[in-house]
Protein backbone atom coordinates (compact mmCIF):
# COMPACT_ATOMS: atom_id res chain seq x y z
CA MET A 1 95.97 71.79 57.35
CA LYS A 2 98.29 74.31 58.95
CA LYS A 3 98.55 76.22 55.64
CA ILE A 4 94.79 76.24 55.26
CA GLY A 5 94.45 77.56 58.83
CA ILE A 6 96.96 80.35 58.18
CA VAL A 7 95.11 81.36 54.99
CA LEU A 8 91.78 81.48 56.86
CA LEU A 9 93.29 83.63 59.60
CA LEU A 10 94.72 86.03 57.04
CA LEU A 11 91.34 86.30 55.31
CA ILE A 12 89.56 87.03 58.59
CA TYR A 13 92.21 89.57 59.50
CA ASN A 14 91.90 91.33 56.17
CA ASN A 15 88.09 91.30 56.40
CA CYS A 16 88.08 92.84 59.90
CA PHE A 17 90.92 95.31 59.85
CA SER A 18 91.15 96.54 56.26
CA GLN A 19 89.14 99.67 57.21
CA LYS A 20 89.91 102.40 59.74
CA THR A 21 88.81 101.52 63.26
CA VAL A 22 87.11 104.12 65.48
CA GLN A 23 87.47 103.50 69.26
CA ASP A 24 85.00 104.50 71.97
CA GLN A 25 83.86 103.65 75.49
CA ARG A 26 80.61 102.06 76.64
CA VAL A 27 78.83 100.80 79.76
CA TRP A 28 76.46 97.83 79.50
CA PHE A 29 73.89 96.80 82.14
CA ALA A 30 72.17 93.50 81.65
CA TYR A 31 69.79 91.12 83.42
CA THR A 32 69.32 87.51 82.31
CA GLY A 33 66.81 85.21 83.98
CA GLN A 34 66.12 81.55 83.25
CA TYR A 35 63.21 80.02 85.13
CA LYS A 36 62.59 76.29 85.12
CA VAL A 37 58.86 75.58 85.43
CA SER A 38 58.75 71.80 84.85
CA GLU A 39 61.19 68.89 84.38
CA ASN A 40 61.81 69.76 80.74
CA TRP A 41 60.54 73.30 80.23
CA GLY A 42 61.51 76.84 81.25
CA CYS A 43 61.43 80.43 80.07
CA HIS A 44 64.07 83.00 79.29
CA ILE A 45 63.79 86.72 80.07
CA GLU A 46 66.55 89.25 79.28
CA ALA A 47 67.00 93.02 79.30
CA GLN A 48 70.08 95.01 78.28
CA PHE A 49 70.79 98.73 78.43
CA ARG A 50 73.88 99.95 76.60
CA LEU A 51 75.03 103.53 77.36
CA ASP A 52 77.95 105.82 76.66
CA ASN A 53 80.78 106.01 79.23
CA GLN A 54 79.21 109.08 80.86
CA LEU A 55 75.88 107.25 81.36
CA GLN A 56 74.13 110.14 79.57
CA GLN A 57 73.00 108.63 76.28
CA ASN A 58 71.12 105.38 75.86
CA LEU A 59 72.79 103.93 72.73
CA GLN A 60 70.92 100.67 72.53
CA ASN A 61 68.42 98.60 74.52
CA LEU A 62 67.49 94.98 73.98
CA PHE A 63 64.64 92.87 75.35
CA ARG A 64 64.71 89.10 74.72
CA ILE A 65 62.14 86.43 75.66
CA GLY A 66 61.93 82.77 74.83
CA GLY A 67 61.26 79.20 75.81
CA ILE A 68 63.80 76.61 77.01
CA TYR A 69 63.68 72.85 76.58
CA TYR A 70 66.03 70.94 78.93
CA LEU A 71 67.48 67.98 77.06
CA SER A 72 69.53 67.05 80.12
CA LYS A 73 71.25 68.71 83.07
CA THR A 74 73.95 70.03 80.74
CA LYS A 75 72.16 70.54 77.38
CA THR A 76 69.36 72.87 76.39
CA ILE A 77 67.66 74.14 73.24
CA SER A 78 65.95 77.53 73.22
CA GLY A 79 64.22 79.93 70.92
CA GLY A 80 62.24 83.20 71.01
CA TYR A 81 61.92 86.81 70.05
CA ALA A 82 64.03 89.92 70.68
CA LEU A 83 63.30 93.67 70.26
CA VAL A 84 66.31 95.92 69.80
CA ASN A 85 66.31 99.71 69.67
CA THR A 86 69.57 101.37 68.48
CA TYR A 87 70.43 105.07 68.54
CA ASN A 88 71.58 106.66 65.27
CA ALA A 89 73.74 109.63 66.32
CA SER A 90 73.75 111.31 62.88
CA LEU A 91 69.94 111.37 62.75
CA ALA A 92 69.39 111.66 66.52
CA LYS A 93 66.78 108.84 66.29
CA PHE A 94 66.35 105.27 67.34
CA TYR A 95 65.78 102.54 64.75
CA ARG A 96 64.06 99.28 65.59
CA GLU A 97 65.08 95.68 65.02
CA ASN A 98 62.81 92.66 65.32
CA ARG A 99 64.64 89.40 65.76
CA PHE A 100 63.91 85.70 66.12
CA TRP A 101 66.55 83.44 67.63
CA GLU A 102 67.25 79.74 68.17
CA GLN A 103 70.08 78.19 70.12
CA TYR A 104 71.74 75.07 71.48
CA GLN A 105 73.82 75.29 74.70
CA LEU A 106 76.16 72.77 76.34
CA ASN A 107 77.55 73.25 79.86
CA GLU A 108 80.46 71.15 81.11
CA LYS A 109 82.16 70.99 84.53
CA TRP A 110 85.82 70.19 85.06
CA ASN A 111 88.54 70.40 87.70
CA ASP A 112 86.45 68.51 90.30
CA ASN A 113 83.35 70.40 89.19
CA LYS A 114 84.86 73.74 90.22
CA ASN A 115 85.26 75.21 86.71
CA THR A 116 82.63 75.49 83.94
CA ILE A 117 82.91 75.76 80.19
CA ILE A 118 79.86 76.80 78.16
CA HIS A 119 79.36 76.40 74.42
CA ARG A 120 76.44 78.33 72.93
CA PHE A 121 75.44 78.17 69.26
CA ARG A 122 72.80 80.71 68.15
CA LEU A 123 71.01 81.54 64.90
CA GLU A 124 69.26 84.84 64.38
CA GLN A 125 66.80 86.18 61.80
CA ARG A 126 66.91 90.00 61.86
CA TRP A 127 64.58 92.66 60.43
CA VAL A 128 66.32 96.00 60.80
CA GLU A 129 64.62 99.36 60.15
CA GLN A 130 66.41 101.84 57.86
CA LEU A 131 66.04 105.47 58.94
CA ALA A 132 67.83 107.11 56.05
CA THR A 133 65.11 106.27 53.53
CA GLU A 134 61.89 108.23 52.95
CA SER A 135 59.72 105.12 52.99
CA ASN A 136 59.62 102.63 55.84
CA VAL A 137 62.21 100.11 54.61
CA THR A 138 63.35 97.09 56.60
CA ASN A 139 66.38 95.00 55.64
CA TYR A 140 66.76 91.31 56.50
CA GLN A 141 69.83 89.46 57.71
CA ASN A 142 70.69 85.91 58.87
CA ARG A 143 73.40 85.65 61.52
CA PHE A 144 75.25 82.89 63.40
CA ARG A 145 76.82 83.39 66.82
CA TYR A 146 79.13 81.15 68.82
CA LEU A 147 79.93 81.88 72.48
CA ASN A 148 82.72 80.18 74.42
CA ARG A 149 82.39 81.07 78.13
CA ASN A 150 84.74 79.88 80.88
CA LEU A 151 84.21 80.29 84.63
CA PHE A 152 87.27 79.60 86.85
CA HIS A 153 86.75 79.03 90.59
CA ILE A 154 88.86 81.34 92.81
CA ALA A 155 87.59 80.94 96.33
CA ASN A 156 84.53 79.98 98.41
CA LEU A 157 83.00 82.50 100.76
CA ARG A 158 80.78 81.40 103.64
CA SER A 159 79.93 78.01 102.01
CA SER A 160 80.51 75.96 98.87
CA ASN A 161 77.36 77.57 97.44
CA GLU A 162 78.96 81.02 97.52
CA GLU A 163 82.08 81.62 95.49
CA VAL A 164 84.20 84.18 93.66
CA TYR A 165 85.22 83.22 90.14
CA ALA A 166 87.00 84.59 87.07
CA ILE A 167 85.40 84.89 83.62
CA VAL A 168 87.07 84.52 80.23
CA GLN A 169 84.76 84.43 77.23
CA ASP A 170 84.64 85.22 73.55
CA GLU A 171 81.72 85.41 71.09
CA PHE A 172 81.97 85.89 67.35
CA PHE A 173 79.17 86.76 64.93
CA LEU A 174 79.06 85.58 61.31
CA THR A 175 76.73 86.84 58.60
CA LEU A 176 75.03 84.13 56.52
CA GLY A 177 74.18 84.60 52.86
CA ASN A 178 73.88 87.89 51.03
CA ASN A 179 73.09 90.63 53.49
CA VAL A 180 72.33 94.32 52.98
CA ILE A 181 72.86 95.21 56.63
CA ASN A 182 76.48 94.12 56.74
CA SER A 183 78.24 92.50 53.81
CA LYS A 184 81.24 91.50 55.94
CA VAL A 185 81.53 87.82 56.86
CA ILE A 186 82.68 88.72 60.36
CA ASP A 187 79.89 90.87 61.77
CA GLN A 188 81.47 91.48 65.17
CA ASN A 189 83.49 89.92 68.05
CA ARG A 190 83.13 90.33 71.79
CA PHE A 191 85.96 89.32 74.15
CA LEU A 192 85.37 89.65 77.90
CA ILE A 193 87.37 89.13 81.07
CA GLY A 194 86.00 89.74 84.56
CA LEU A 195 85.08 88.58 88.01
CA GLY A 196 81.84 87.06 89.28
CA LEU A 197 80.08 86.39 92.58
CA ASN A 198 77.96 83.27 92.79
CA TYR A 199 75.27 83.24 95.47
CA ASN A 200 73.51 79.99 96.36
CA ASN A 201 74.23 78.53 92.91
CA ASN A 202 71.26 80.44 91.36
CA THR A 203 72.23 84.12 91.31
CA ARG A 204 75.39 85.58 89.80
CA LEU A 205 76.67 89.18 89.68
CA GLU A 206 79.47 89.76 87.20
CA LEU A 207 81.68 92.78 86.46
CA GLY A 208 84.05 92.75 83.48
CA TYR A 209 85.83 94.48 80.64
CA MET A 210 84.51 93.69 77.15
CA ASN A 211 86.33 94.52 73.91
CA GLN A 212 83.62 94.74 71.26
CA PHE A 213 84.84 94.91 67.63
CA VAL A 214 82.13 95.73 65.13
CA THR A 215 82.72 95.65 61.38
CA SER A 216 80.85 97.80 58.83
CA SER A 217 80.34 97.51 55.10
CA ALA A 218 79.26 101.18 54.86
CA GLY A 219 81.78 103.02 57.01
CA ASN A 220 84.52 102.63 59.59
CA SER A 221 84.73 99.63 61.91
CA ALA A 222 84.33 100.28 65.67
CA MET A 223 86.15 99.00 68.74
CA ASN A 224 84.18 99.69 71.93
CA HIS A 225 85.93 99.41 75.30
CA THR A 226 83.04 98.38 77.50
CA VAL A 227 82.37 98.01 81.21
CA SER A 228 79.94 95.09 81.52
CA ILE A 229 77.68 94.70 84.59
CA LEU A 230 75.52 91.58 84.50
CA LEU A 231 72.99 89.97 86.86
CA LEU A 232 72.07 86.34 86.05
CA GLN A 233 69.47 84.15 87.71
CA ASN A 234 68.75 80.47 87.20
CA LEU A 235 65.68 79.71 89.30
CA ASP A 236 63.80 76.44 89.73
CA LEU A 237 60.13 77.28 90.07
CA GLN A 238 58.85 73.71 90.08
CA LYS A 239 56.68 72.59 92.94
CA HIS A 240 58.56 69.84 94.82
């Protein structure tokens, strides 16, 4: 088993780093809201704005909506639609992506319920516009994503419902099947470390550094050193 693991790591390394890597800086702003409207149902709303490090050029924006079904206090399944607009610097234009997504998420507490580990498994069906062609061509891709997110309690503030915590997370993206968009098996990887402020157990503000590595089958791979600013809300809108 150890030999098999070593071979797999070497294959992944060769797939990701066989090409030249171009490095750049980014700043990401994001809002994620999850609103519980009944015992088992909720909705998901998300907006992301990804800019250059000078905050002058909008490089990508993403809007995601969906429904949530609460299997239990720690397990959910979700699905919905996302619209993504990405800037193509060589053509000075944005191209559009329409995306459907489905996911399963498991949250677990440990260390006397002070720390949290989150496992998120997501499938995506992507329709990506191609700007370089004369006709309006859209390519299709299937993708799998796994997020491992860890929140480590540092200190309480005025009460146990207000805390400062550390964040360590990693998410990798795998292409599924034959894909025109990116023929690489490893589509990208995002590693993040940071700090968060939890207010009243329903609103979180997080600031972190993300290392985003993006592979490409058509050109150089990219490593983006990213400042990530994220506001999350988990609100219970049920009438009690």
